Amino acid sequence: MFADRAKIIIRSGKGGDGHVSFRRELYVPAGGPDGGDGGRGGDVIFEVDEGLNTLNEFRHRRKYAARDGEEGGKRRCHGRDGEDIVLRVPEGTVVYEAESGKVIADMSGENRRQVILTGGRGGKGNMHYATATMQAPKYAQPGQPARELEVRLELKVIADVGLVGYPNVGKSTFLSRVTNARPKIANYHFTTLTPNLGVVDLEGADGFVIADIPGLIEGASEGVGLGHQFLRHIERTRVLIHIVDAASTEGRDPVDDIYKINGELAAYNVDLKERPQVIAANKTDVIYDDGQENPVDRLKAEFEPRGIRVFPISAVTGKGVKELLYYVKSLLDSMEKKSITFEQEFFPEDVLIQENLPYTVERIEDGHVFVVEGPKIERMLGYTNLESEKGFAFFQRFLKDAGILEDLEKAGIQEGDTVRMYGFDFDYYK
């Protein structure tokens, strides 16, 4: 079964708790604290697997969790880090936050591997809390909690050209003629229930990838029929070949068909309205001269003044197909060779900023050190990689958006003063 959608719950690993213990050895009467740090929780990572072409694996399992970090041990032993969980998906998979529908990651193009949820940082052992006035601290830092998120996966096929049109107009027959793809073909509606991909090889020119999108019908963008389930696969294509039954073998008007399908495309995604399009007037082998206006001439008169070329073809006999393909190739060559990707809209770490958790700002020592503490800070530090430029920039934005910088200024902080947060020291500069 072809599966191009799935909804799953992912969970990162909890950080291991810091350990409370004291050195106890003969002839060492005051060994001091030696509790080790907890291990870091595992990340949830999505990775492209070239060998996959469906999301079937995610239909049989609902929850995916990384391992928790282990608790720290005595004698300064560091707890083992939790194992990451790597979810392998086919290229073209888009990861959405389920509730908002915003994009978290587009696993295509250069993005082959992305951390979606970061594991919790391990808590510090009591050896970190010894001071001149507190030489035997009996507390340690707990590990950062796990994070859980419901995500929706959608596979949007990677193809240069998409075939669109009503059911039974000859898309599958066309694809089988111009590529090595062998879709099932029969004379009834919705023969094609999965997007079929094929590579077009042209003499004297580079080939391109073409996708047969299952037939659309009027109302597809609103969920009518089966075709609406596959509209997502058109979004990445750079050129559309709109195949119509020019012979009206089923009694429909080909001009009306084109307007209706284009209306469905625009209703689903307004950008598709501007996508370059070519009309393939199919089934010309069964058009007979009955004294009426030739339907191909009518299609040309209607659409070519709008900049849409019309090619009379017969997918059965092959007539006119080569001319159509070379024209499509010229269209592709004239366009920027840039894959269509979806920008990230939802950042899981940003959710922490919105949580109304408390924190405190305290001025200590000689007045040049400010300690900021509280679950809001502790959680953020656990999910932020301060060693990376992106992570540090995000943390700075968090301090500003959460009002922490403003509170520090109210407390009298000056440039060059130190801000201390759970073992991290920062110099303050505007």
Protein backbone atom coordinates (compact mmCIF):
# COMPACT_ATOMS: atom_id res chain seq x y z
CA MET A 1 0.00 0.00 0.00
CA PHE A 2 1.28 3.48 -0.87
CA ALA A 3 1.19 5.80 2.16
CA ASP A 4 2.01 9.48 1.78
CA ARG A 5 0.65 10.73 5.11
CA ALA A 6 1.10 9.78 8.75
CA LYS A 7 0.63 11.33 12.18
CA ILE A 8 2.98 10.33 14.98
CA ILE A 9 4.11 11.43 18.45
CA ILE A 10 7.82 11.98 19.01
CA ARG A 11 9.58 12.34 22.35
CA SER A 12 13.13 13.35 23.14
CA GLY A 13 15.05 11.80 26.04
CA LYS A 14 15.01 13.19 29.57
CA GLY A 15 18.33 14.35 30.96
CA GLY A 16 19.73 12.21 33.77
CA ASP A 17 19.65 13.67 37.28
CA GLY A 18 22.82 14.87 38.94
CA HIS A 19 24.05 12.67 41.80
CA VAL A 20 24.52 13.51 45.48
CA SER A 21 27.42 11.68 47.11
CA PHE A 22 30.55 12.36 49.17
CA ARG A 23 34.06 10.98 48.96
CA ARG A 24 34.54 8.43 51.71
CA GLU A 25 38.04 7.00 51.93
CA LEU A 26 40.38 6.01 54.72
CA TYR A 27 42.59 8.86 55.83
CA VAL A 28 40.42 11.34 53.90
CA PRO A 29 38.10 12.60 56.62
CA ALA A 30 36.64 15.48 54.58
CA GLY A 31 36.70 14.25 51.01
CA GLY A 32 34.00 16.61 49.89
CA PRO A 33 31.19 16.14 47.36
CA ASP A 34 31.85 13.85 44.38
CA GLY A 35 28.40 13.39 42.82
CA GLY A 36 28.65 13.13 39.01
CA ASP A 37 26.56 14.77 36.31
CA GLY A 38 23.61 13.11 34.63
CA GLY A 39 23.78 12.06 31.00
CA ARG A 40 22.17 14.03 28.22
CA GLY A 41 18.83 12.82 26.82
CA GLY A 42 18.70 11.53 23.25
CA ASP A 43 17.57 13.64 20.30
CA VAL A 44 14.81 12.87 17.80
CA ILE A 45 16.38 13.07 14.34
CA PHE A 46 14.82 12.79 10.89
CA GLU A 47 17.02 11.49 8.08
CA VAL A 48 16.46 10.96 4.36
CA ASP A 49 16.72 7.33 3.20
CA GLU A 50 17.18 7.01 -0.56
CA GLY A 51 15.75 3.49 -0.45
CA LEU A 52 12.32 4.57 0.78
CA ASN A 53 9.45 5.93 -1.31
CA THR A 54 6.48 5.72 1.08
CA LEU A 55 5.63 6.44 4.72
CA ASN A 56 4.28 2.93 5.30
CA GLU A 57 6.51 2.31 8.33
CA PHE A 58 4.77 5.08 10.26
CA ARG A 59 1.33 3.55 9.74
CA HIS A 60 2.08 0.66 12.09
CA ARG A 61 3.62 2.53 15.01
CA ARG A 62 2.33 5.67 16.67
CA LYS A 63 4.97 6.74 19.22
CA TYR A 64 8.74 7.16 18.84
CA ALA A 65 10.98 8.06 21.77
CA ALA A 66 14.69 8.64 22.27
CA ARG A 67 16.42 7.18 25.33
CA ASP A 68 16.71 9.04 28.62
CA GLY A 69 20.10 9.99 29.99
CA GLU A 70 21.38 8.01 32.98
CA GLU A 71 21.76 9.47 36.46
CA GLY A 72 25.24 10.57 37.50
CA GLY A 73 27.21 8.36 39.88
CA LYS A 74 29.50 8.62 42.84
CA ARG A 75 33.21 9.38 42.41
CA ARG A 76 32.38 12.03 39.81
CA CYS A 77 31.09 9.42 37.35
CA HIS A 78 29.14 10.95 34.47
CA GLY A 79 25.87 9.26 33.55
CA ARG A 80 25.64 7.71 30.10
CA ASP A 81 24.02 9.88 27.43
CA GLY A 82 20.68 8.68 26.08
CA GLU A 83 20.69 7.16 22.61
CA ASP A 84 19.24 9.28 19.80
CA ILE A 85 16.35 7.93 17.74
CA VAL A 86 16.74 8.36 13.98
CA LEU A 87 13.54 8.26 11.92
CA ARG A 88 14.28 7.48 8.27
CA VAL A 89 11.91 9.00 5.72
CA PRO A 90 11.80 9.20 1.90
CA GLU A 91 13.13 12.32 0.23
CA GLY A 92 10.41 14.92 -0.12
CA THR A 93 8.85 14.30 3.30
CA VAL A 94 7.62 17.46 5.03
CA VAL A 95 7.29 17.43 8.83
CA TYR A 96 4.48 19.62 10.21
CA GLU A 97 3.52 20.49 13.78
CA ALA A 98 0.18 18.70 13.98
CA GLU A 99 -1.89 21.34 15.78
CA SER A 100 -0.78 24.50 13.95
CA GLY A 101 0.02 22.89 10.58
CA LYS A 102 3.29 24.86 10.41
CA VAL A 103 6.38 23.38 8.73
CA ILE A 104 9.11 22.08 11.05
CA ALA A 105 11.33 20.49 8.40
CA ASP A 106 11.39 19.74 4.68
CA MET A 107 13.51 16.66 4.13
CA SER A 108 14.57 17.40 0.56
CA GLY A 109 17.33 19.15 -1.37
CA GLU A 110 20.40 19.63 0.80
CA ASN A 111 18.53 18.91 4.03
CA ARG A 112 19.30 15.21 4.54
CA ARG A 113 19.35 15.11 8.34
CA GLN A 114 17.74 17.39 10.94
CA VAL A 115 17.31 17.32 14.71
CA ILE A 116 13.62 17.95 15.39
CA LEU A 117 13.55 17.58 19.20
CA THR A 118 16.64 18.07 21.36
CA GLY A 119 17.13 15.86 24.39
CA GLY A 120 17.21 17.33 27.87
CA ARG A 121 20.54 18.36 29.36
CA GLY A 122 21.80 16.21 32.22
CA GLY A 123 21.68 17.69 35.71
CA LYS A 124 24.87 18.72 37.50
CA GLY A 125 26.08 16.64 40.43
CA ASN A 126 26.59 18.09 43.89
CA MET A 127 30.35 18.44 43.28
CA HIS A 128 29.53 21.62 41.33
CA TYR A 129 27.83 23.32 44.26
CA ALA A 130 30.61 23.31 46.81
CA THR A 131 31.55 26.82 47.94
CA ALA A 132 33.59 28.32 50.73
CA THR A 133 30.48 28.59 52.87
CA MET A 134 28.76 25.38 51.65
CA GLN A 135 31.38 22.63 51.57
CA ALA A 136 28.98 19.70 51.74
CA PRO A 137 26.01 20.47 49.45
CA LYS A 138 23.31 17.85 49.75
CA TYR A 139 21.52 18.71 46.55
CA ALA A 140 22.10 18.22 42.83
CA GLN A 141 20.47 19.53 39.70
CA PRO A 142 17.70 17.42 38.16
CA GLY A 143 17.95 16.53 34.50
CA GLN A 144 15.95 18.52 31.98
CA PRO A 145 12.56 16.95 31.21
CA ALA A 146 11.76 15.13 28.00
CA ARG A 147 9.89 16.96 25.25
CA GLU A 148 6.96 15.52 23.35
CA LEU A 149 5.41 16.72 20.11
CA GLU A 150 2.74 15.44 17.74
CA VAL A 151 3.81 15.84 14.12
CA ARG A 152 2.21 15.18 10.75
CA LEU A 153 4.30 13.72 7.94
CA GLU A 154 3.46 14.34 4.29
CA LEU A 155 5.35 13.00 1.32
CA LYS A 156 5.46 15.40 -1.62
CA VAL A 157 7.12 13.70 -4.58
CA ILE A 158 10.19 15.23 -6.22
CA ALA A 159 9.54 15.73 -9.94
CA ASP A 160 10.24 18.39 -12.58
CA VAL A 161 6.92 17.98 -14.36
CA GLY A 162 3.48 17.01 -13.13
CA LEU A 163 0.68 15.52 -15.22
CA VAL A 164 -2.72 16.85 -14.21
CA GLY A 165 -6.22 16.42 -15.57
CA TYR A 166 -9.51 14.64 -15.05
CA PRO A 167 -9.54 10.86 -14.53
CA ASN A 168 -9.39 8.72 -17.64
CA VAL A 169 -7.95 11.38 -19.96
CA GLY A 170 -4.82 9.33 -20.73
CA LYS A 171 -2.21 10.48 -18.21
CA SER A 172 -1.03 6.97 -17.35
CA THR A 173 -0.92 6.00 -21.03
CA PHE A 174 1.13 9.13 -21.75
CA LEU A 175 3.54 8.37 -18.90
CA SER A 176 4.04 4.78 -20.04
CA ARG A 177 4.83 5.99 -23.58
CA VAL A 178 7.38 8.67 -22.68
CA THR A 179 9.13 6.90 -19.76
CA ASN A 180 9.97 3.42 -18.52
CA ALA A 181 7.26 3.67 -15.87
CA ARG A 182 4.58 1.01 -16.15
CA PRO A 183 1.47 2.22 -14.34
CA LYS A 184 -1.62 0.03 -14.34
CA ILE A 185 -3.93 1.13 -17.11
CA ALA A 186 -7.60 0.30 -17.55
CA ASN A 187 -10.69 2.03 -18.87
CA TYR A 188 -12.31 3.20 -15.67
CA HIS A 189 -12.02 6.17 -13.33
CA PHE A 190 -9.29 6.40 -10.74
CA THR A 191 -7.17 3.62 -12.20
CA THR A 192 -4.19 5.49 -10.77
CA LEU A 193 -4.35 5.54 -6.99
CA THR A 194 -0.69 6.40 -6.37
CA PRO A 195 1.59 9.02 -7.95
CA ASN A 196 3.77 7.34 -10.58
CA LEU A 197 7.23 8.67 -11.40
CA GLY A 198 9.18 8.21 -14.61
CA VAL A 199 12.31 9.65 -16.27
CA VAL A 200 11.96 11.11 -19.76
CA ASP A 201 15.04 10.53 -21.94
CA LEU A 202 15.41 12.91 -24.87
CA GLU A 203 17.84 12.52 -27.75
CA GLY A 204 20.41 15.31 -27.67
CA ALA A 205 19.14 16.75 -24.38
CA ASP A 206 19.11 16.01 -20.68
CA GLY A 207 16.09 14.15 -19.39
CA PHE A 208 13.68 15.15 -16.66
CA VAL A 209 11.45 13.51 -14.05
CA ILE A 210 7.72 13.42 -14.66
CA ALA A 211 4.95 12.50 -12.21
CA ASP A 212 1.49 11.19 -13.06
CA ILE A 213 -0.79 12.71 -10.42
CA PRO A 214 -4.04 10.75 -9.83
CA GLY A 215 -7.02 12.31 -11.57
CA LEU A 216 -8.65 15.39 -10.11
CA ILE A 217 -12.31 16.26 -10.24
CA GLU A 218 -14.29 19.40 -9.52
CA GLY A 219 -14.31 20.04 -5.77
CA ALA A 220 -11.03 18.18 -5.21
CA SER A 221 -9.51 21.05 -3.23
CA GLU A 222 -12.44 20.78 -0.80
CA GLY A 223 -11.99 17.05 -0.35
CA VAL A 224 -14.31 15.70 -3.04
CA GLY A 225 -13.26 12.48 -4.76
CA LEU A 226 -9.86 10.79 -4.50
CA GLY A 227 -7.71 13.27 -6.37
CA HIS A 228 -7.57 15.75 -3.50
CA GLN A 229 -5.40 13.31 -1.56
CA PHE A 230 -2.62 13.80 -4.09
CA LEU A 231 -2.70 17.55 -4.72
CA ARG A 232 0.33 17.88 -2.43
CA HIS A 233 2.45 16.05 -4.97
CA ILE A 234 2.02 18.84 -7.52
CA GLU A 235 3.53 21.45 -5.24
CA ARG A 236 7.18 20.65 -6.02
CA THR A 237 6.80 20.38 -9.81
CA ARG A 238 8.16 23.26 -11.89
CA VAL A 239 5.98 22.73 -15.00
CA LEU A 240 2.50 21.24 -15.38
CA ILE A 241 1.31 19.27 -18.40
CA HIS A 242 -2.46 19.52 -18.43
CA ILE A 243 -3.85 16.55 -20.34
CA VAL A 244 -7.40 16.82 -21.65
CA ASP A 245 -9.64 14.54 -23.63
CA ALA A 246 -9.86 16.64 -26.81
CA ALA A 247 -12.21 14.10 -28.39
CA SER A 248 -14.73 14.44 -25.52
CA THR A 249 -15.14 10.67 -25.41
CA GLU A 250 -16.95 10.98 -22.08
CA GLY A 251 -19.10 13.93 -23.12
CA ARG A 252 -17.18 16.63 -21.22
CA ASP A 253 -16.06 19.93 -22.73
CA PRO A 254 -12.19 20.04 -22.75
CA VAL A 255 -12.10 23.84 -22.37
CA ASP A 256 -14.39 23.64 -19.36
CA ASP A 257 -12.28 20.79 -17.94
CA ILE A 258 -9.14 22.94 -17.99
CA TYR A 259 -10.79 25.87 -16.24
CA LYS A 260 -12.24 23.61 -13.55
CA ILE A 261 -8.99 21.79 -12.82
CA ASN A 262 -7.00 25.03 -12.78
CA GLY A 263 -9.55 26.39 -10.34
CA GLU A 264 -8.96 23.40 -8.06
CA LEU A 265 -5.18 23.87 -8.24
CA ALA A 266 -5.45 27.56 -7.34
CA ALA A 267 -7.89 26.81 -4.51
CA TYR A 268 -5.44 24.31 -3.03
CA ASN A 269 -2.34 26.50 -3.43
CA VAL A 270 -2.48 29.91 -5.07
CA ASP A 271 1.15 29.54 -6.24
CA LEU A 272 0.09 26.74 -8.58
CA LYS A 273 -1.92 29.27 -10.56
CA GLU A 274 1.35 30.88 -11.69
CA ARG A 275 3.13 27.59 -12.47
CA PRO A 276 4.06 27.30 -16.20
CA GLN A 277 1.57 25.04 -17.94
CA VAL A 278 1.32 23.23 -21.27
CA ILE A 279 -1.90 21.69 -22.61
CA ALA A 280 -1.73 18.24 -24.18
CA ALA A 281 -4.87 17.80 -26.28
CA ASN A 282 -5.00 14.01 -26.13
CA LYS A 283 -6.99 11.37 -28.04
CA THR A 284 -6.70 13.20 -31.38
CA ASP A 285 -6.63 9.75 -33.02
CA VAL A 286 -10.38 9.47 -32.36
CA ILE A 287 -11.36 12.97 -33.51
CA TYR A 288 -13.33 12.78 -36.74
CA ASP A 289 -14.27 15.55 -39.15
CA ASP A 290 -17.98 15.97 -38.65
CA GLY A 291 -18.20 19.50 -39.97
CA GLN A 292 -18.02 20.99 -36.47
CA GLU A 293 -15.21 23.22 -35.16
CA ASN A 294 -12.06 21.23 -34.49
CA PRO A 295 -11.69 20.97 -30.68
CA VAL A 296 -7.91 21.45 -30.90
CA ASP A 297 -8.38 24.73 -32.78
CA ARG A 298 -10.85 25.80 -30.11
CA LEU A 299 -8.38 24.99 -27.35
CA LYS A 300 -5.64 26.97 -29.11
CA ALA A 301 -7.91 29.95 -29.65
CA GLU A 302 -8.88 29.92 -25.96
CA PHE A 303 -5.51 29.39 -24.26
CA GLU A 304 -2.61 30.31 -26.55
CA PRO A 305 -3.42 34.06 -26.32
CA ARG A 306 -2.93 33.54 -22.55
CA GLY A 307 0.58 32.20 -23.14
CA ILE A 308 -0.33 28.51 -22.73
CA ARG A 309 0.81 26.36 -25.65
CA VAL A 310 -1.52 23.62 -26.89
CA PHE A 311 -0.10 20.45 -28.45
CA PRO A 312 -2.40 17.95 -30.22
CA ILE A 313 -1.20 14.46 -29.27
CA SER A 314 -2.20 10.84 -29.16
CA ALA A 315 -0.76 8.98 -26.19
CA VAL A 316 -1.81 5.71 -27.87
CA THR A 317 -0.07 6.23 -31.25
CA GLY A 318 2.65 8.64 -30.07
CA LYS A 319 1.71 11.36 -32.54
CA GLY A 320 2.81 14.83 -31.41
CA VAL A 321 4.38 13.56 -28.18
CA LYS A 322 8.01 14.30 -29.13
CA GLU A 323 7.25 17.93 -30.00
CA LEU A 324 5.48 18.37 -26.65
CA LEU A 325 8.39 16.89 -24.67
CA TYR A 326 11.04 19.06 -26.34
CA TYR A 327 8.95 22.15 -25.66
CA VAL A 328 8.58 21.18 -22.00
CA LYS A 329 12.35 20.65 -21.83
CA SER A 330 12.92 24.15 -23.24
CA LEU A 331 10.60 25.55 -20.57
CA LEU A 332 12.55 23.78 -17.83
CA ASP A 333 15.87 25.03 -19.23
CA SER A 334 14.59 28.60 -19.22
CA MET A 335 13.69 28.40 -15.53
CA GLU A 336 15.96 28.68 -12.53
CA LYS A 337 17.18 25.21 -11.59
CA LYS A 338 16.12 25.45 -8.00
CA SER A 339 14.25 22.77 -6.11
CA ILE A 340 10.98 23.81 -4.50
CA THR A 341 11.30 23.50 -0.74
CA PHE A 342 9.19 24.60 2.20
CA GLU A 343 10.73 27.00 4.71
CA GLN A 344 10.65 26.20 8.43
CA GLU A 345 7.77 27.98 10.18
CA PHE A 346 7.61 26.20 13.53
CA PHE A 347 10.62 26.05 15.86
CA PRO A 348 10.03 23.60 18.73
CA GLU A 349 12.48 25.45 21.00
CA ASP A 350 10.48 28.68 20.64
CA VAL A 351 7.59 27.11 22.57
CA LEU A 352 9.64 27.37 25.73
CA ILE A 353 9.66 31.16 25.51
CA GLN A 354 5.89 31.25 25.64
CA GLU A 355 5.65 29.19 28.80
CA ASN A 356 4.96 31.33 31.88
CA LEU A 357 7.60 29.85 34.19
CA PRO A 358 9.22 31.85 37.02
CA TYR A 359 12.80 33.06 37.31
CA THR A 360 14.77 35.30 39.66
CA VAL A 361 17.52 37.89 39.14
CA GLU A 362 19.92 38.43 42.09
CA ARG A 363 22.96 40.71 42.43
CA ILE A 364 25.79 39.15 44.48
CA GLU A 365 29.46 39.43 45.50
CA ASP A 366 30.94 42.82 44.69
CA GLY A 367 27.92 43.90 42.73
CA HIS A 368 29.31 42.88 39.35
CA VAL A 369 27.86 39.36 39.28
CA PHE A 370 24.16 38.70 38.61
CA VAL A 371 22.66 35.26 39.14
CA VAL A 372 19.60 34.34 37.08
CA GLU A 373 17.79 31.15 38.15
CA GLY A 374 14.44 29.43 37.80
CA PRO A 375 12.79 26.64 35.80
CA LYS A 376 12.37 28.89 32.76
CA ILE A 377 16.15 29.40 32.51
CA GLU A 378 16.98 25.84 33.48
CA ARG A 379 14.75 24.35 30.80
CA MET A 380 16.01 26.68 28.09
CA LEU A 381 19.66 25.91 28.82
CA GLY A 382 18.84 22.22 28.62
CA TYR A 383 17.52 22.54 25.07
CA THR A 384 20.02 25.02 23.66
CA ASN A 385 23.43 24.26 22.19
CA LEU A 386 25.36 27.35 23.23
CA GLU A 387 28.44 26.17 21.35
CA SER A 388 26.77 26.73 18.00
CA GLU A 389 26.32 30.21 16.54
CA LYS A 390 22.65 29.54 15.79
CA GLY A 391 22.02 28.17 19.28
CA PHE A 392 23.70 31.11 21.02
CA ALA A 393 21.79 33.62 18.86
CA PHE A 394 18.55 31.85 19.77
CA PHE A 395 19.44 32.01 23.48
CA GLN A 396 20.11 35.75 23.22
CA ARG A 397 16.71 36.23 21.59
CA PHE A 398 15.13 34.20 24.38
CA LEU A 399 16.68 36.45 27.05
CA LYS A 400 15.28 39.52 25.31
CA ASP A 401 11.82 38.14 24.53
CA ALA A 402 11.36 36.72 28.02
CA GLY A 403 12.13 40.11 29.59
CA ILE A 404 15.25 38.84 31.38
CA LEU A 405 17.58 41.45 29.86
CA GLU A 406 15.17 44.18 30.92
CA ASP A 407 15.12 42.84 34.48
CA LEU A 408 18.92 42.72 34.56
CA GLU A 409 19.07 46.36 33.51
CA LYS A 410 16.57 47.27 36.24
CA ALA A 411 18.83 45.49 38.72
CA GLY A 412 21.68 47.78 37.69
CA ILE A 413 23.81 45.60 35.43
CA GLN A 414 26.61 47.40 33.56
CA GLU A 415 28.69 46.45 30.53
CA GLY A 416 31.40 43.97 31.47
CA ASP A 417 29.44 42.56 34.43
CA THR A 418 28.93 38.79 34.69
CA VAL A 419 25.64 36.95 34.32
CA ARG A 420 25.69 33.51 35.94
CA MET A 421 23.14 30.84 34.99
CA TYR A 422 23.47 27.27 36.27
CA GLY A 423 27.19 26.90 35.74
CA PHE A 424 27.42 29.20 32.73
CA ASP A 425 29.04 32.64 33.00
CA PHE A 426 28.38 35.33 30.39
CA ASP A 427 29.80 38.82 30.06
CA TYR A 428 27.08 41.42 29.60
CA TYR A 429 27.37 43.80 26.64
CA LYS A 430 24.59 45.77 24.93
